[in-house]
Amino acid sequence: MVCVRVDWDAQAVTTRRLQLLRSDTRTAPTAATVLLIDETGDRKAGTKTAHVGRQEMANLGKIATGVVSVSSLWADERL
């Protein structure tokens, strides 16, 4: 397995992502709603779990063997 580290500007990616989300009426926040996006990395050992590999684990602050998942939730004032 090969681990490839790519240098990119995280702030530029975040800025562009937010611009895209805010420009689309389906994902733009309103006075009553907001789109929440959560990314988390889980350290895993072995080869039995799908998508395990050496990758950036933001919650660990380093590259480690594990799996990263991203979830989203549309929240309103009831949540």
C-alpha atoms as a PDB file:
ATOM      1  CA  MET A   1       0.000   0.000   0.000  1.00  0.00           C
ATOM      2  CA  VAL A   2       1.281   3.471  -0.875  1.00  0.00           C
ATOM      3  CA  CYS A   3       0.470   6.562   1.143  1.00  0.00           C
ATOM      4  CA  VAL A   4       0.486   9.716  -0.958  1.00  0.00           C
ATOM      5  CA  ARG A   5       0.643  13.072   0.755  1.00  0.00           C
ATOM      6  CA  VAL A   6      -0.756  15.933  -1.279  1.00  0.00           C
ATOM      7  CA  ASP A   7       0.051  19.521  -0.387  1.00  0.00           C
ATOM      8  CA  TRP A   8      -2.999  21.761  -0.688  1.00  0.00           C
ATOM      9  CA  ASP A   9      -4.260  24.917   0.909  1.00  0.00           C
ATOM     10  CA  ALA A  10      -6.887  23.792   3.435  1.00  0.00           C
ATOM     11  CA  GLN A  11      -8.156  27.337   3.946  1.00  0.00           C
ATOM     12  CA  ALA A  12      -8.668  27.833   0.203  1.00  0.00           C
ATOM     13  CA  VAL A  13     -10.610  24.551  -0.032  1.00  0.00           C
ATOM     14  CA  THR A  14     -12.779  25.507   2.964  1.00  0.00           C
ATOM     15  CA  THR A  15     -13.442  28.969   1.542  1.00  0.00           C
ATOM     16  CA  ARG A  16     -14.478  27.537  -1.835  1.00  0.00           C
ATOM     17  CA  ARG A  17     -16.646  24.835  -0.238  1.00  0.00           C
ATOM     18  CA  LEU A  18     -18.499  27.449   1.822  1.00  0.00           C
ATOM     19  CA  GLN A  19     -18.971  29.672  -1.224  1.00  0.00           C
ATOM     20  CA  LEU A  20     -20.562  26.777  -3.110  1.00  0.00           C
ATOM     21  CA  LEU A  21     -22.818  25.784  -0.210  1.00  0.00           C
ATOM     22  CA  ARG A  22     -23.995  29.350   0.389  1.00  0.00           C
ATOM     23  CA  SER A  23     -24.696  30.011  -3.299  1.00  0.00           C
ATOM     24  CA  ASP A  24     -27.125  27.076  -3.672  1.00  0.00           C
ATOM     25  CA  THR A  25     -30.604  27.637  -2.206  1.00  0.00           C
ATOM     26  CA  ARG A  26     -30.793  23.936  -1.239  1.00  0.00           C
ATOM     27  CA  THR A  27     -27.763  24.200   1.086  1.00  0.00           C
ATOM     28  CA  ALA A  28     -27.602  27.875   2.014  1.00  0.00           C
ATOM     29  CA  PRO A  29     -28.321  28.625   5.666  1.00  0.00           C
ATOM     30  CA  THR A  30     -31.525  30.480   6.440  1.00  0.00           C
ATOM     31  CA  ALA A  31     -32.843  32.183   9.559  1.00  0.00           C
ATOM     32  CA  ALA A  32     -34.317  28.826  10.649  1.00  0.00           C
ATOM     33  CA  THR A  33     -32.075  26.139   9.091  1.00  0.00           C
ATOM     34  CA  VAL A  34     -28.454  25.192   8.550  1.00  0.00           C
ATOM     35  CA  LEU A  35     -26.548  22.337   6.882  1.00  0.00           C
ATOM     36  CA  LEU A  36     -24.130  20.604   9.281  1.00  0.00           C
ATOM     37  CA  ILE A  37     -21.200  18.581   7.918  1.00  0.00           C
ATOM     38  CA  ASP A  38     -19.093  16.386  10.183  1.00  0.00           C
ATOM     39  CA  GLU A  39     -15.924  14.467   9.318  1.00  0.00           C
ATOM     40  CA  THR A  40     -14.312  12.008  11.664  1.00  0.00           C
ATOM     41  CA  GLY A  41     -11.508   9.501  11.419  1.00  0.00           C
ATOM     42  CA  ASP A  42     -11.405   6.181  13.231  1.00  0.00           C
ATOM     43  CA  ARG A  43      -8.150   4.348  13.731  1.00  0.00           C
ATOM     44  CA  LYS A  44      -8.428   0.756  12.476  1.00  0.00           C
ATOM     45  CA  ALA A  45      -6.032  -2.161  12.357  1.00  0.00           C
ATOM     46  CA  GLY A  46      -6.120  -5.121  10.009  1.00  0.00           C
ATOM     47  CA  THR A  47      -7.779  -5.539   6.633  1.00  0.00           C
ATOM     48  CA  LYS A  48     -11.327  -6.684   7.472  1.00  0.00           C
ATOM     49  CA  THR A  49     -12.970  -3.232   7.412  1.00  0.00           C
ATOM     50  CA  ALA A  50     -13.730  -1.640   4.017  1.00  0.00           C
ATOM     51  CA  HIS A  51     -11.830   1.519   2.987  1.00  0.00           C
ATOM     52  CA  VAL A  52      -9.127   1.215   5.644  1.00  0.00           C
ATOM     53  CA  GLY A  53      -5.890   2.846   4.612  1.00  0.00           C
ATOM     54  CA  ARG A  54      -3.223   5.308   5.622  1.00  0.00           C
ATOM     55  CA  GLN A  55      -4.857   8.695   5.456  1.00  0.00           C
ATOM     56  CA  GLU A  56      -5.076  12.032   7.212  1.00  0.00           C
ATOM     57  CA  MET A  57      -6.981  11.697  10.469  1.00  0.00           C
ATOM     58  CA  ALA A  58      -7.920  15.252  11.401  1.00  0.00           C
ATOM     59  CA  ASN A  59      -9.110  14.295  14.872  1.00  0.00           C
ATOM     60  CA  LEU A  60      -5.732  12.633  15.532  1.00  0.00           C
ATOM     61  CA  GLY A  61      -3.751  15.399  13.853  1.00  0.00           C
ATOM     62  CA  LYS A  62      -1.654  12.992  11.780  1.00  0.00           C
ATOM     63  CA  ILE A  63      -1.626  10.341   9.080  1.00  0.00           C
ATOM     64  CA  ALA A  64      -2.688   6.978  10.485  1.00  0.00           C
ATOM     65  CA  THR A  65      -4.249   3.720   9.364  1.00  0.00           C
ATOM     66  CA  GLY A  66      -7.999   4.042   9.598  1.00  0.00           C
ATOM     67  CA  VAL A  67     -11.225   5.004   7.913  1.00  0.00           C
ATOM     68  CA  VAL A  68     -12.691   8.499   7.478  1.00  0.00           C
ATOM     69  CA  SER A  69     -16.428   9.113   7.339  1.00  0.00           C
ATOM     70  CA  VAL A  70     -18.365  12.241   6.485  1.00  0.00           C
ATOM     71  CA  SER A  71     -21.958  12.829   7.475  1.00  0.00           C
ATOM     72  CA  SER A  72     -24.373  15.682   6.935  1.00  0.00           C
ATOM     73  CA  LEU A  73     -27.506  16.827   8.686  1.00  0.00           C
ATOM     74  CA  TRP A  74     -30.031  19.528   7.838  1.00  0.00           C
ATOM     75  CA  ALA A  75     -30.933  21.149  11.154  1.00  0.00           C
ATOM     76  CA  ASP A  76     -33.662  23.565  12.127  1.00  0.00           C
ATOM     77  CA  GLU A  77     -34.691  25.260  15.361  1.00  0.00           C
ATOM     78  CA  ARG A  78     -36.122  21.970  16.717  1.00  0.00           C
ATOM     79  CA  LEU A  79     -32.688  20.280  16.757  1.00  0.00           C
END
